[in-house]
Amino acid sequence: MDEIDRKICTLLSDDARRSMAQIGALVGLSSSAVNDRLRRLGERGVVRRYLADLAPEMLGLPVSGFVWVALAETADEAEFRRFIAARPEVTACHHVTGPWSYLVQVRVASLAAVEDFLALLKDGGWIARSETQLALSTVVAPPFRLRG
């Protein structure tokens, strides 16, 4: 990736609805040259997809929670991963180092929905223990998208 590719990626990250002509004007290339670069960036896996950044509060999902999960010794980790990947309230899941197995981020409508999610984890027999933290406000966040 050269500096122009990085500029194109930055511009797309800021607003993926920009036209090729707008991007080209900002980086000093023609629309067709920008299109060629974007095609190559996609082929190389640099640009994976184009997303809309939704406002979760406006979609009725004002509660952002983080659930630290220590898997039970008997847990089927592959099944846990499939379960988490399929849950629409899960916005991110990270396999982490330290005393926890995973950090799961959820976006839900209420505190009761956080409790319901925890109950699903317990009922599945996946967790030995967990700790949940709620976000009071968000300073920096990745784009939000609905799942499921």
N, C-alpha and C. Protein backbone atom coordinates (compact mmCIF):
# COMPACT_ATOMS: atom_id res chain seq x y z
N MET A 1 0.84 -1.18 0.00
CA MET A 1 0.00 0.00 0.00
C MET A 1 0.88 1.24 0.00
N ASP A 2 0.58 2.14 -0.89
CA ASP A 2 1.33 3.40 -0.90
C ASP A 2 0.51 4.49 -0.20
N GLU A 3 1.05 5.69 -0.19
CA GLU A 3 0.41 6.80 0.52
C GLU A 3 -0.96 7.15 -0.08
N ILE A 4 -1.10 7.04 -1.39
CA ILE A 4 -2.39 7.34 -2.02
C ILE A 4 -3.44 6.31 -1.60
N ASP A 5 -3.04 5.02 -1.56
CA ASP A 5 -3.97 3.99 -1.09
C ASP A 5 -4.42 4.29 0.34
N ARG A 6 -3.50 4.70 1.18
CA ARG A 6 -3.85 5.03 2.57
C ARG A 6 -4.81 6.22 2.62
N LYS A 7 -4.59 7.22 1.79
CA LYS A 7 -5.49 8.37 1.75
C LYS A 7 -6.88 7.94 1.29
N ILE A 8 -6.93 7.09 0.27
CA ILE A 8 -8.22 6.58 -0.22
C ILE A 8 -8.93 5.82 0.90
N CYS A 9 -8.21 4.98 1.61
CA CYS A 9 -8.81 4.21 2.72
C CYS A 9 -9.31 5.14 3.82
N THR A 10 -8.55 6.18 4.12
CA THR A 10 -8.97 7.14 5.14
C THR A 10 -10.25 7.85 4.70
N LEU A 11 -10.29 8.28 3.46
CA LEU A 11 -11.48 8.96 2.94
C LEU A 11 -12.69 8.05 2.98
N LEU A 12 -12.52 6.79 2.61
CA LEU A 12 -13.63 5.83 2.65
C LEU A 12 -14.07 5.57 4.10
N SER A 13 -13.11 5.51 5.00
CA SER A 13 -13.44 5.29 6.41
C SER A 13 -14.27 6.43 6.96
N ASP A 14 -13.98 7.64 6.49
CA ASP A 14 -14.74 8.81 6.94
C ASP A 14 -16.13 8.85 6.33
N ASP A 15 -16.24 8.46 5.05
CA ASP A 15 -17.53 8.51 4.36
C ASP A 15 -17.47 7.62 3.12
N ALA A 16 -18.00 6.42 3.24
CA ALA A 16 -17.95 5.46 2.14
C ALA A 16 -18.90 5.81 0.99
N ARG A 17 -19.70 6.86 1.16
CA ARG A 17 -20.62 7.27 0.09
C ARG A 17 -19.97 8.28 -0.86
N ARG A 18 -18.74 8.65 -0.60
CA ARG A 18 -18.06 9.59 -1.51
C ARG A 18 -17.95 8.95 -2.89
N SER A 19 -18.11 9.77 -3.89
CA SER A 19 -17.99 9.27 -5.26
C SER A 19 -16.52 9.10 -5.61
N MET A 20 -16.27 8.33 -6.66
CA MET A 20 -14.91 8.15 -7.16
C MET A 20 -14.33 9.50 -7.58
N ALA A 21 -15.17 10.35 -8.14
CA ALA A 21 -14.70 11.68 -8.58
C ALA A 21 -14.28 12.52 -7.37
N GLN A 22 -15.06 12.46 -6.28
CA GLN A 22 -14.70 13.22 -5.09
C GLN A 22 -13.38 12.72 -4.49
N ILE A 23 -13.26 11.42 -4.40
CA ILE A 23 -12.02 10.85 -3.86
C ILE A 23 -10.85 11.20 -4.76
N GLY A 24 -11.06 11.04 -6.06
CA GLY A 24 -10.00 11.37 -7.02
C GLY A 24 -9.53 12.80 -6.89
N ALA A 25 -10.47 13.73 -6.73
CA ALA A 25 -10.11 15.14 -6.59
C ALA A 25 -9.27 15.38 -5.33
N LEU A 26 -9.55 14.63 -4.29
CA LEU A 26 -8.84 14.81 -3.02
C LEU A 26 -7.45 14.16 -3.01
N VAL A 27 -7.26 13.13 -3.87
CA VAL A 27 -5.95 12.45 -3.88
C VAL A 27 -5.18 12.69 -5.17
N GLY A 28 -5.77 13.45 -6.10
CA GLY A 28 -5.07 13.77 -7.34
C GLY A 28 -5.08 12.68 -8.39
N LEU A 29 -6.17 11.91 -8.45
CA LEU A 29 -6.30 10.84 -9.45
C LEU A 29 -7.64 10.98 -10.18
N SER A 30 -7.72 10.32 -11.33
CA SER A 30 -8.99 10.27 -12.06
C SER A 30 -9.93 9.28 -11.37
N SER A 31 -11.19 9.36 -11.71
CA SER A 31 -12.18 8.43 -11.15
C SER A 31 -11.83 6.99 -11.49
N SER A 32 -11.40 6.75 -12.72
CA SER A 32 -11.07 5.37 -13.12
C SER A 32 -9.84 4.86 -12.38
N ALA A 33 -8.88 5.73 -12.10
CA ALA A 33 -7.70 5.31 -11.34
C ALA A 33 -8.09 4.97 -9.90
N VAL A 34 -8.99 5.75 -9.31
CA VAL A 34 -9.48 5.45 -7.96
C VAL A 34 -10.22 4.11 -7.97
N ASN A 35 -11.07 3.90 -8.96
CA ASN A 35 -11.80 2.65 -9.08
C ASN A 35 -10.85 1.46 -9.19
N ASP A 36 -9.79 1.59 -9.98
CA ASP A 36 -8.81 0.51 -10.12
C ASP A 36 -8.13 0.21 -8.78
N ARG A 37 -7.76 1.27 -8.07
CA ARG A 37 -7.11 1.08 -6.78
C ARG A 37 -8.06 0.42 -5.78
N LEU A 38 -9.32 0.85 -5.77
CA LEU A 38 -10.29 0.23 -4.86
C LEU A 38 -10.52 -1.24 -5.20
N ARG A 39 -10.56 -1.56 -6.47
CA ARG A 39 -10.71 -2.96 -6.88
C ARG A 39 -9.54 -3.79 -6.36
N ARG A 40 -8.31 -3.27 -6.53
CA ARG A 40 -7.13 -3.99 -6.05
C ARG A 40 -7.11 -4.09 -4.52
N LEU A 41 -7.51 -3.02 -3.85
CA LEU A 41 -7.58 -3.06 -2.38
C LEU A 41 -8.59 -4.11 -1.92
N GLY A 42 -9.69 -4.24 -2.64
CA GLY A 42 -10.67 -5.27 -2.33
C GLY A 42 -10.14 -6.67 -2.58
N GLU A 43 -9.46 -6.85 -3.69
CA GLU A 43 -8.89 -8.17 -4.03
C GLU A 43 -7.86 -8.60 -3.00
N ARG A 44 -7.11 -7.65 -2.46
CA ARG A 44 -6.07 -7.96 -1.46
C ARG A 44 -6.65 -8.09 -0.06
N GLY A 45 -7.94 -7.80 0.11
CA GLY A 45 -8.56 -7.92 1.42
C GLY A 45 -8.39 -6.71 2.31
N VAL A 46 -7.85 -5.61 1.78
CA VAL A 46 -7.69 -4.39 2.57
C VAL A 46 -9.06 -3.78 2.82
N VAL A 47 -9.85 -3.63 1.78
CA VAL A 47 -11.24 -3.16 1.91
C VAL A 47 -12.10 -4.41 1.89
N ARG A 48 -12.73 -4.69 3.04
CA ARG A 48 -13.52 -5.91 3.16
C ARG A 48 -14.98 -5.72 2.80
N ARG A 49 -15.52 -4.53 3.12
CA ARG A 49 -16.92 -4.26 2.82
C ARG A 49 -17.20 -2.78 3.06
N TYR A 50 -18.34 -2.33 2.61
CA TYR A 50 -18.79 -0.96 2.81
C TYR A 50 -19.99 -1.01 3.73
N LEU A 51 -19.97 -0.19 4.79
CA LEU A 51 -21.00 -0.25 5.82
C LEU A 51 -21.66 1.10 6.03
N ALA A 52 -22.88 1.05 6.53
CA ALA A 52 -23.55 2.25 7.03
C ALA A 52 -23.29 2.32 8.52
N ASP A 53 -22.94 3.48 9.03
CA ASP A 53 -22.73 3.69 10.45
C ASP A 53 -24.06 4.14 11.05
N LEU A 54 -24.73 3.22 11.74
CA LEU A 54 -26.05 3.48 12.29
C LEU A 54 -25.95 4.04 13.71
N ALA A 55 -26.98 4.75 14.14
CA ALA A 55 -27.04 5.29 15.50
C ALA A 55 -27.82 4.30 16.37
N PRO A 56 -27.12 3.52 17.20
CA PRO A 56 -27.82 2.47 17.97
C PRO A 56 -28.92 3.00 18.88
N GLU A 57 -28.72 4.18 19.46
CA GLU A 57 -29.76 4.76 20.33
C GLU A 57 -31.04 5.02 19.54
N MET A 58 -30.90 5.47 18.29
CA MET A 58 -32.06 5.75 17.45
C MET A 58 -32.77 4.46 17.01
N LEU A 59 -32.08 3.34 17.12
CA LEU A 59 -32.64 2.05 16.76
C LEU A 59 -33.19 1.31 17.99
N GLY A 60 -33.26 2.01 19.13
CA GLY A 60 -33.79 1.41 20.34
C GLY A 60 -32.79 0.54 21.08
N LEU A 61 -31.50 0.79 20.89
CA LEU A 61 -30.46 0.00 21.54
C LEU A 61 -29.50 0.92 22.30
N PRO A 62 -29.96 1.53 23.39
CA PRO A 62 -29.15 2.52 24.09
C PRO A 62 -28.09 1.95 25.04
N VAL A 63 -28.18 0.65 25.38
CA VAL A 63 -27.29 0.08 26.39
C VAL A 63 -26.14 -0.67 25.73
N SER A 64 -24.92 -0.24 26.07
CA SER A 64 -23.72 -0.91 25.59
C SER A 64 -23.05 -1.58 26.78
N GLY A 65 -22.83 -2.88 26.66
CA GLY A 65 -22.23 -3.64 27.76
C GLY A 65 -21.04 -4.45 27.30
N PHE A 66 -20.18 -4.75 28.25
CA PHE A 66 -18.98 -5.56 28.01
C PHE A 66 -19.01 -6.71 28.99
N VAL A 67 -18.94 -7.91 28.47
CA VAL A 67 -19.02 -9.10 29.31
C VAL A 67 -17.70 -9.86 29.21
N TRP A 68 -16.99 -9.91 30.32
CA TRP A 68 -15.78 -10.73 30.41
C TRP A 68 -16.23 -12.15 30.70
N VAL A 69 -15.76 -13.10 29.92
CA VAL A 69 -16.20 -14.49 30.03
C VAL A 69 -14.99 -15.40 30.26
N ALA A 70 -15.07 -16.22 31.30
CA ALA A 70 -14.12 -17.31 31.51
C ALA A 70 -14.89 -18.58 31.16
N LEU A 71 -14.43 -19.29 30.15
CA LEU A 71 -15.13 -20.49 29.72
C LEU A 71 -15.04 -21.60 30.77
N ALA A 72 -16.10 -22.36 30.88
CA ALA A 72 -16.11 -23.53 31.76
C ALA A 72 -15.17 -24.58 31.17
N GLU A 73 -14.59 -25.38 32.04
CA GLU A 73 -13.65 -26.42 31.56
C GLU A 73 -14.33 -27.38 30.59
N THR A 74 -15.62 -27.59 30.78
CA THR A 74 -16.36 -28.55 29.94
C THR A 74 -16.96 -27.90 28.69
N ALA A 75 -16.76 -26.61 28.54
CA ALA A 75 -17.38 -25.88 27.43
C ALA A 75 -16.77 -26.30 26.09
N ASP A 76 -17.61 -26.42 25.10
CA ASP A 76 -17.17 -26.65 23.72
C ASP A 76 -16.88 -25.26 23.14
N GLU A 77 -15.60 -24.92 23.03
CA GLU A 77 -15.23 -23.57 22.61
C GLU A 77 -15.69 -23.25 21.20
N ALA A 78 -15.62 -24.21 20.31
CA ALA A 78 -16.08 -23.98 18.93
C ALA A 78 -17.58 -23.69 18.91
N GLU A 79 -18.34 -24.40 19.73
CA GLU A 79 -19.78 -24.16 19.81
C GLU A 79 -20.07 -22.80 20.43
N PHE A 80 -19.28 -22.42 21.44
CA PHE A 80 -19.43 -21.08 22.05
C PHE A 80 -19.20 -20.01 20.99
N ARG A 81 -18.16 -20.16 20.20
CA ARG A 81 -17.86 -19.18 19.14
C ARG A 81 -19.00 -19.09 18.13
N ARG A 82 -19.57 -20.22 17.74
CA ARG A 82 -20.70 -20.22 16.80
C ARG A 82 -21.91 -19.52 17.41
N PHE A 83 -22.16 -19.82 18.68
CA PHE A 83 -23.29 -19.19 19.38
C PHE A 83 -23.12 -17.68 19.41
N ILE A 84 -21.96 -17.21 19.82
CA ILE A 84 -21.69 -15.77 19.93
C ILE A 84 -21.79 -15.10 18.56
N ALA A 85 -21.23 -15.73 17.55
CA ALA A 85 -21.25 -15.15 16.20
C ALA A 85 -22.67 -15.00 15.66
N ALA A 86 -23.59 -15.84 16.14
CA ALA A 86 -24.97 -15.81 15.65
C ALA A 86 -25.88 -14.87 16.44
N ARG A 87 -25.42 -14.37 17.56
CA ARG A 87 -26.27 -13.53 18.41
C ARG A 87 -26.33 -12.10 17.88
N PRO A 88 -27.51 -11.58 17.60
CA PRO A 88 -27.62 -10.23 17.03
C PRO A 88 -27.20 -9.12 17.99
N GLU A 89 -27.27 -9.37 19.30
CA GLU A 89 -26.88 -8.33 20.25
C GLU A 89 -25.37 -8.20 20.42
N VAL A 90 -24.62 -9.17 19.93
CA VAL A 90 -23.16 -9.13 20.05
C VAL A 90 -22.59 -8.26 18.93
N THR A 91 -21.90 -7.21 19.33
CA THR A 91 -21.29 -6.30 18.33
C THR A 91 -19.81 -6.57 18.14
N ALA A 92 -19.19 -7.25 19.10
CA ALA A 92 -17.79 -7.63 18.98
C ALA A 92 -17.51 -8.74 19.99
N CYS A 93 -16.56 -9.59 19.65
CA CYS A 93 -16.12 -10.64 20.57
C CYS A 93 -14.64 -10.85 20.32
N HIS A 94 -13.87 -10.78 21.40
CA HIS A 94 -12.42 -10.91 21.29
C HIS A 94 -11.94 -12.04 22.19
N HIS A 95 -11.12 -12.92 21.64
CA HIS A 95 -10.41 -13.94 22.41
C HIS A 95 -9.22 -13.21 23.03
N VAL A 96 -9.10 -13.22 24.35
CA VAL A 96 -8.13 -12.37 25.03
C VAL A 96 -7.17 -13.17 25.90
N THR A 97 -6.09 -12.51 26.28
CA THR A 97 -5.13 -13.10 27.21
C THR A 97 -5.52 -12.73 28.63
N GLY A 98 -4.85 -13.34 29.60
CA GLY A 98 -5.10 -13.02 30.99
C GLY A 98 -6.11 -13.97 31.62
N PRO A 99 -6.76 -13.54 32.69
CA PRO A 99 -7.65 -14.43 33.44
C PRO A 99 -8.98 -14.74 32.75
N TRP A 100 -9.29 -14.02 31.67
CA TRP A 100 -10.55 -14.23 30.97
C TRP A 100 -10.29 -14.93 29.64
N SER A 101 -11.31 -15.59 29.13
CA SER A 101 -11.21 -16.25 27.83
C SER A 101 -11.63 -15.31 26.70
N TYR A 102 -12.73 -14.58 26.91
CA TYR A 102 -13.30 -13.72 25.87
C TYR A 102 -13.81 -12.41 26.48
N LEU A 103 -13.79 -11.38 25.65
CA LEU A 103 -14.47 -10.13 25.96
C LEU A 103 -15.55 -9.96 24.90
N VAL A 104 -16.80 -9.92 25.34
CA VAL A 104 -17.95 -9.84 24.44
C VAL A 104 -18.61 -8.49 24.63
N GLN A 105 -18.78 -7.76 23.54
CA GLN A 105 -19.49 -6.48 23.60
C GLN A 105 -20.91 -6.70 23.07
N VAL A 106 -21.88 -6.15 23.80
CA VAL A 106 -23.28 -6.27 23.39
C VAL A 106 -23.91 -4.88 23.30
N ARG A 107 -24.92 -4.77 22.47
CA ARG A 107 -25.72 -3.54 22.34
C ARG A 107 -27.16 -3.99 22.42
N VAL A 108 -27.88 -3.50 23.46
CA VAL A 108 -29.22 -3.99 23.73
C VAL A 108 -30.16 -2.84 24.11
N ALA A 109 -31.44 -3.18 24.24
CA ALA A 109 -32.48 -2.19 24.52
C ALA A 109 -32.57 -1.82 26.00
N SER A 110 -32.14 -2.72 26.89
CA SER A 110 -32.38 -2.46 28.32
C SER A 110 -31.42 -3.27 29.17
N LEU A 111 -31.41 -2.94 30.46
CA LEU A 111 -30.63 -3.74 31.40
C LEU A 111 -31.19 -5.16 31.50
N ALA A 112 -32.48 -5.29 31.38
CA ALA A 112 -33.10 -6.63 31.38
C ALA A 112 -32.57 -7.46 30.22
N ALA A 113 -32.32 -6.83 29.08
CA ALA A 113 -31.78 -7.56 27.93
C ALA A 113 -30.34 -8.01 28.19
N VAL A 114 -29.58 -7.24 28.94
CA VAL A 114 -28.23 -7.68 29.35
C VAL A 114 -28.37 -8.92 30.22
N GLU A 115 -29.29 -8.86 31.16
CA GLU A 115 -29.52 -10.00 32.04
C GLU A 115 -29.96 -11.23 31.25
N ASP A 116 -30.82 -11.04 30.26
CA ASP A 116 -31.27 -12.15 29.41
C ASP A 116 -30.09 -12.77 28.66
N PHE A 117 -29.19 -11.92 28.16
CA PHE A 117 -28.02 -12.42 27.44
C PHE A 117 -27.14 -13.25 28.38
N LEU A 118 -26.92 -12.76 29.60
CA LEU A 118 -26.13 -13.51 30.57
C LEU A 118 -26.78 -14.85 30.89
N ALA A 119 -28.10 -14.86 30.97
CA ALA A 119 -28.82 -16.11 31.25
C ALA A 119 -28.60 -17.11 30.12
N LEU A 120 -28.57 -16.63 28.87
CA LEU A 120 -28.30 -17.52 27.74
C LEU A 120 -26.91 -18.15 27.85
N LEU A 121 -25.93 -17.35 28.26
CA LEU A 121 -24.57 -17.88 28.43
C LEU A 121 -24.53 -18.94 29.53
N LYS A 122 -25.22 -18.66 30.63
CA LYS A 122 -25.24 -19.61 31.74
C LYS A 122 -25.99 -20.88 31.35
N ASP A 123 -27.15 -20.71 30.70
CA ASP A 123 -27.95 -21.87 30.30
C ASP A 123 -27.21 -22.76 29.30
N GLY A 124 -26.35 -22.15 28.49
CA GLY A 124 -25.57 -22.92 27.52
C GLY A 124 -24.45 -23.71 28.16
N GLY A 125 -24.16 -23.43 29.43
CA GLY A 125 -23.11 -24.14 30.14
C GLY A 125 -21.71 -23.74 29.72
N TRP A 126 -21.59 -22.57 29.09
CA TRP A 126 -20.29 -22.15 28.57
C TRP A 126 -19.41 -21.45 29.58
N ILE A 127 -20.00 -20.81 30.57
CA ILE A 127 -19.18 -19.94 31.40
C ILE A 127 -18.93 -20.50 32.81
N ALA A 128 -17.68 -20.35 33.24
CA ALA A 128 -17.33 -20.67 34.61
C ALA A 128 -17.62 -19.46 35.48
N ARG A 129 -17.33 -18.28 34.91
CA ARG A 129 -17.62 -17.03 35.60
C ARG A 129 -17.64 -15.91 34.57
N SER A 130 -18.25 -14.80 34.96
CA SER A 130 -18.29 -13.64 34.06
C SER A 130 -18.30 -12.37 34.90
N GLU A 131 -17.97 -11.29 34.24
CA GLU A 131 -18.07 -9.96 34.85
C GLU A 131 -18.61 -9.03 33.77
N THR A 132 -19.61 -8.25 34.13
CA THR A 132 -20.25 -7.36 33.16
C THR A 132 -20.02 -5.92 33.56
N GLN A 133 -19.67 -5.12 32.57
CA GLN A 133 -19.50 -3.68 32.76
C GLN A 133 -20.37 -2.98 31.73
N LEU A 134 -20.96 -1.85 32.13
CA LEU A 134 -21.80 -1.07 31.24
C LEU A 134 -21.10 0.24 30.88
N ALA A 135 -21.25 0.67 29.65
CA ALA A 135 -20.67 1.94 29.21
C ALA A 135 -21.59 3.07 29.64
N LEU A 136 -21.03 4.07 30.30
CA LEU A 136 -21.81 5.25 30.68
C LEU A 136 -21.93 6.20 29.49
N SER A 137 -20.85 6.34 28.75
CA SER A 137 -20.84 7.13 27.52
C SER A 137 -19.72 6.59 26.65
N THR A 138 -19.71 6.98 25.39
CA THR A 138 -18.72 6.48 24.44
C THR A 138 -17.96 7.63 23.84
N VAL A 139 -16.64 7.56 23.92
CA VAL A 139 -15.78 8.60 23.38
C VAL A 139 -15.41 8.29 21.93
N VAL A 140 -15.02 7.05 21.66
CA VAL A 140 -14.66 6.60 20.32
C VAL A 140 -15.30 5.24 20.11
N ALA A 141 -15.94 5.04 18.98
CA ALA A 141 -16.57 3.75 18.69
C ALA A 141 -16.45 3.43 17.21
N PRO A 142 -16.35 2.14 16.89
CA PRO A 142 -16.38 1.76 15.47
C PRO A 142 -17.78 1.96 14.92
N PRO A 143 -17.94 1.93 13.62
CA PRO A 143 -19.29 2.04 13.05
C PRO A 143 -20.20 0.94 13.59
N PHE A 144 -21.44 1.29 13.85
CA PHE A 144 -22.41 0.33 14.36
C PHE A 144 -23.24 -0.20 13.20
N ARG A 145 -23.51 -1.50 13.22
CA ARG A 145 -24.38 -2.11 12.22
C ARG A 145 -25.28 -3.12 12.89
N LEU A 146 -26.48 -3.25 12.37
CA LEU A 146 -27.41 -4.25 12.88
C LEU A 146 -26.99 -5.61 12.36
N ARG A 147 -27.18 -6.62 13.20
CA ARG A 147 -26.87 -7.99 12.81
C ARG A 147 -28.10 -8.85 13.00
N GLY A 148 -28.16 -9.90 12.23
CA GLY A 148 -29.23 -10.89 12.42
C GLY A 148 -30.47 -10.44 11.90
